[in-house]
């Protein structure tokens, strides 16, 4: 069952549960099919890689995906975890459609710029 993904690539999030609880980072990748996100510098795992023409090989640290329910958006005003809501901004001119924007529920601050 598909879930509405309110978090996008590049957003600042905080981890709510697990070994990296409290860490913040930006979203590198969103995997909508599995409802997971990859956060920069969070949930690091060791990967043994074989050397090739580009990489030297060896043991590297790599970010593993987290479930979307384990992260929350960071409020731009307070820096605390917040939920994300949507609202429509009415256009100034005639014949234009209203624009849908995301905002932080905690402070009401607009997330999309």
Protein backbone atom coordinates (compact mmCIF):
# COMPACT_ATOMS: atom_id res chain seq x y z
CA UNK A 1 0.00 0.00 0.00
CA UNK A 2 1.44 3.35 -1.03
CA UNK A 3 1.95 6.00 1.61
CA UNK A 4 2.02 9.76 1.00
CA UNK A 5 5.68 10.73 1.27
CA UNK A 6 5.83 14.16 2.88
CA UNK A 7 9.63 14.07 3.05
CA UNK A 8 11.66 14.82 -0.07
CA UNK A 9 15.28 14.62 -1.15
CA UNK A 10 17.35 17.39 0.44
CA UNK A 11 15.10 17.89 3.50
CA UNK A 12 16.65 18.09 6.98
CA UNK A 13 15.39 15.29 9.23
CA UNK A 14 16.04 13.97 12.73
CA UNK A 15 16.12 10.25 13.60
CA UNK A 16 13.49 9.31 16.22
CA UNK A 17 14.44 5.70 17.08
CA UNK A 18 17.30 3.23 16.88
CA UNK A 19 21.04 3.41 17.41
CA UNK A 20 21.27 6.84 15.75
CA UNK A 21 18.41 8.43 17.73
CA UNK A 22 18.72 12.22 17.87
CA UNK A 23 21.08 12.55 14.89
CA UNK A 24 20.16 14.95 12.10
CA UNK A 25 21.02 14.86 8.44
CA UNK A 26 19.71 15.59 4.99
CA UNK A 27 17.84 13.10 2.82
CA UNK A 28 20.07 11.64 0.09
CA UNK A 29 17.51 9.29 -1.48
CA UNK A 30 13.83 8.40 -1.08
CA UNK A 31 12.72 4.83 -1.85
CA UNK A 32 8.95 5.14 -2.22
CA UNK A 33 8.31 1.48 -3.00
CA UNK A 34 9.73 0.32 0.36
CA UNK A 35 8.77 3.51 2.27
CA UNK A 36 12.41 4.13 3.20
CA UNK A 37 14.87 7.02 3.13
CA UNK A 38 18.67 7.28 3.13
CA UNK A 39 19.95 9.98 5.49
CA UNK A 40 23.44 11.45 5.19
CA UNK A 41 25.78 10.25 7.97
CA UNK A 42 23.11 8.13 9.69
CA UNK A 43 22.73 4.32 9.95
CA UNK A 44 26.24 3.62 8.68
CA UNK A 45 27.10 0.02 7.83
CA UNK A 46 30.36 -1.60 6.75
CA UNK A 47 30.53 -2.91 3.18
CA UNK A 48 33.34 -5.07 1.83
CA UNK A 49 34.01 -3.99 -1.76
CA UNK A 50 36.18 -5.55 -4.41
CA UNK A 51 38.76 -3.35 -6.14
CA UNK A 52 38.06 -2.25 -9.70
CA UNK A 53 39.48 0.34 -12.10
CA UNK A 54 37.86 3.25 -10.25
CA UNK A 55 37.83 2.23 -6.57
CA UNK A 56 40.66 0.77 -4.52
CA UNK A 57 38.37 -1.62 -2.64
CA UNK A 58 38.40 -2.58 1.01
CA UNK A 59 35.93 -1.91 3.82
CA UNK A 60 33.85 1.26 3.36
CA UNK A 61 31.15 2.92 5.46
CA UNK A 62 27.86 3.37 3.63
CA UNK A 63 24.46 4.76 4.64
CA UNK A 64 21.70 2.14 4.85
CA UNK A 65 18.00 2.97 4.38
CA UNK A 66 15.75 3.82 7.35
CA UNK A 67 11.98 3.41 7.47
CA UNK A 68 10.10 6.66 6.92
CA UNK A 69 8.34 6.32 10.30
CA UNK A 70 11.69 6.54 12.12
CA UNK A 71 12.51 10.05 10.89
CA UNK A 72 10.79 13.41 11.37
CA UNK A 73 11.24 16.70 9.58
CA UNK A 74 13.28 19.37 11.42
CA UNK A 75 11.36 22.57 12.14
CA UNK A 76 13.16 25.47 10.38
CA UNK A 77 12.36 27.85 13.25
CA UNK A 78 13.06 25.78 16.39
CA UNK A 79 15.19 22.88 15.12
CA UNK A 80 12.92 20.32 16.82
CA UNK A 81 11.05 17.44 15.16
CA UNK A 82 7.75 18.39 13.56
CA UNK A 83 5.02 16.98 11.38
CA UNK A 84 4.49 18.29 7.86
CA UNK A 85 1.22 19.77 6.60
CA UNK A 86 0.00 21.17 3.32
CA UNK A 87 -1.77 24.40 2.52
CA UNK A 88 -2.65 26.31 -0.61
CA UNK A 89 -1.46 29.84 -1.40
CA UNK A 90 -3.95 31.84 -3.41
CA UNK A 91 -2.55 33.33 -6.63
CA UNK A 92 -2.29 37.09 -7.13
CA UNK A 93 -3.43 37.11 -10.76
CA UNK A 94 -6.61 35.90 -12.39
CA UNK A 95 -6.73 32.48 -14.01
CA UNK A 96 -3.78 31.05 -12.07
CA UNK A 97 -4.01 27.93 -9.95
CA UNK A 98 -3.26 28.03 -6.21
CA UNK A 99 0.17 26.69 -5.27
CA UNK A 100 0.47 23.82 -2.78
CA UNK A 101 3.22 24.28 -0.18
CA UNK A 102 4.49 22.30 2.79
CA UNK A 103 4.66 23.84 6.25
CA UNK A 104 5.88 22.78 9.70
CA UNK A 105 2.96 21.97 12.01
CA UNK A 106 4.92 22.98 15.13
CA UNK A 107 5.69 26.59 14.15
CA UNK A 108 3.69 27.17 10.98
CA UNK A 109 6.89 28.05 9.11
CA UNK A 110 6.92 27.35 5.36
CA UNK A 111 9.29 24.51 4.40
CA UNK A 112 9.23 24.93 0.61
CA UNK A 113 10.99 28.06 -0.57
